[in-house]
Amino acid sequence: AMLETKRGMPIITAIPTSPYDRNILRLAFLAPDIQRAILEGRQPHHLNLEMLKKIELPLSWSRQHDVLGFGDYQFPCSAD
């Protein structure tokens, strides 16, 4: 309810009111292939919601790949 999509990009339309909402909102900015892998159950074994809530999640998709253990794949449209 806090996000809208404009031109394929997530836009925050409301301020998260609770710490839980702020923490969960960060997951909307996961790289699309990471989101897909999680939904399909193909994420690294150590990656779960508790881990995602505790770490500092970078906005850069290539850095997310590194931090979350998805290997060496580099995203062509993500700058570090």
Protein backbone atom coordinates (compact mmCIF):
# COMPACT_ATOMS: atom_id res chain seq x y z
CA ALA A 1 0.00 0.00 0.00
CA MET A 2 3.02 2.31 0.41
CA LEU A 3 4.27 1.80 -3.15
CA GLU A 4 3.08 2.63 -6.62
CA THR A 5 4.79 1.78 -9.88
CA LYS A 6 5.46 4.50 -12.43
CA ARG A 7 7.30 3.66 -15.66
CA GLY A 8 8.34 0.35 -14.14
CA MET A 9 9.96 1.90 -11.07
CA PRO A 10 8.67 1.66 -7.48
CA ILE A 11 7.65 5.00 -5.98
CA ILE A 12 7.03 5.44 -2.25
CA THR A 13 3.65 7.16 -1.86
CA ALA A 14 3.28 7.03 1.93
CA ILE A 15 5.67 7.31 4.83
CA PRO A 16 6.12 3.97 6.63
CA THR A 17 4.76 4.52 10.13
CA SER A 18 6.31 1.60 11.99
CA PRO A 19 9.84 0.21 12.17
CA TYR A 20 8.49 -3.07 10.76
CA ASP A 21 7.00 -1.30 7.72
CA ARG A 22 10.25 0.61 7.11
CA ASN A 23 12.24 -2.61 7.30
CA ILE A 24 9.95 -4.55 4.96
CA LEU A 25 9.70 -1.68 2.47
CA ARG A 26 13.40 -2.13 1.66
CA LEU A 27 12.56 -5.49 0.09
CA ALA A 28 10.71 -3.69 -2.71
CA PHE A 29 14.10 -2.50 -3.94
CA LEU A 30 15.65 -5.95 -4.35
CA ALA A 31 16.99 -6.67 -7.83
CA PRO A 32 14.28 -8.25 -9.99
CA ASP A 33 16.17 -11.51 -10.53
CA ILE A 34 16.81 -11.81 -6.79
CA GLN A 35 13.09 -11.34 -6.13
CA ARG A 36 12.33 -13.98 -8.77
CA ALA A 37 14.85 -16.44 -7.30
CA ILE A 38 13.34 -16.02 -3.82
CA LEU A 39 9.79 -16.50 -5.10
CA GLU A 40 10.90 -19.65 -6.96
CA GLY A 41 12.82 -20.96 -3.93
CA ARG A 42 16.22 -20.70 -5.64
CA GLN A 43 17.89 -18.35 -3.14
CA PRO A 44 21.06 -19.35 -1.25
CA HIS A 45 20.26 -21.56 1.75
CA HIS A 46 21.33 -18.91 4.27
CA LEU A 47 19.02 -16.26 2.80
CA ASN A 48 15.73 -15.88 4.67
CA LEU A 49 13.49 -13.05 5.87
CA GLU A 50 15.27 -12.77 9.23
CA MET A 51 18.62 -12.32 7.48
CA LEU A 52 17.15 -9.74 5.07
CA LYS A 53 15.70 -7.76 7.97
CA LYS A 54 19.07 -7.60 9.78
CA ILE A 55 21.50 -6.64 7.01
CA GLU A 56 22.24 -3.29 5.42
CA LEU A 57 20.79 -3.80 1.95
CA PRO A 58 22.60 -1.79 -0.75
CA LEU A 59 20.54 -0.14 -3.50
CA SER A 60 23.00 -1.24 -6.21
CA TRP A 61 21.76 -4.49 -7.75
CA SER A 62 25.30 -5.78 -8.35
CA ARG A 63 26.20 -5.10 -4.69
CA GLN A 64 22.99 -6.86 -3.60
CA HIS A 65 24.19 -9.88 -5.56
CA ASP A 66 27.48 -9.85 -3.66
CA VAL A 67 26.01 -9.19 -0.20
CA LEU A 68 23.24 -11.79 -0.53
CA GLY A 69 25.45 -14.53 -1.99
CA PHE A 70 24.09 -14.77 -5.52
CA GLY A 71 27.49 -15.18 -7.19
CA ASP A 72 29.49 -13.05 -9.58
CA TYR A 73 26.79 -11.99 -12.04
CA GLN A 74 27.03 -8.29 -12.88
CA PHE A 75 23.88 -6.35 -13.73
CA PRO A 76 24.30 -4.31 -16.93
CA CYS A 77 22.11 -1.42 -15.69
CA SER A 78 23.32 -1.11 -12.13
CA ALA A 79 26.11 1.27 -11.19
CA ASP A 80 28.20 0.76 -8.06
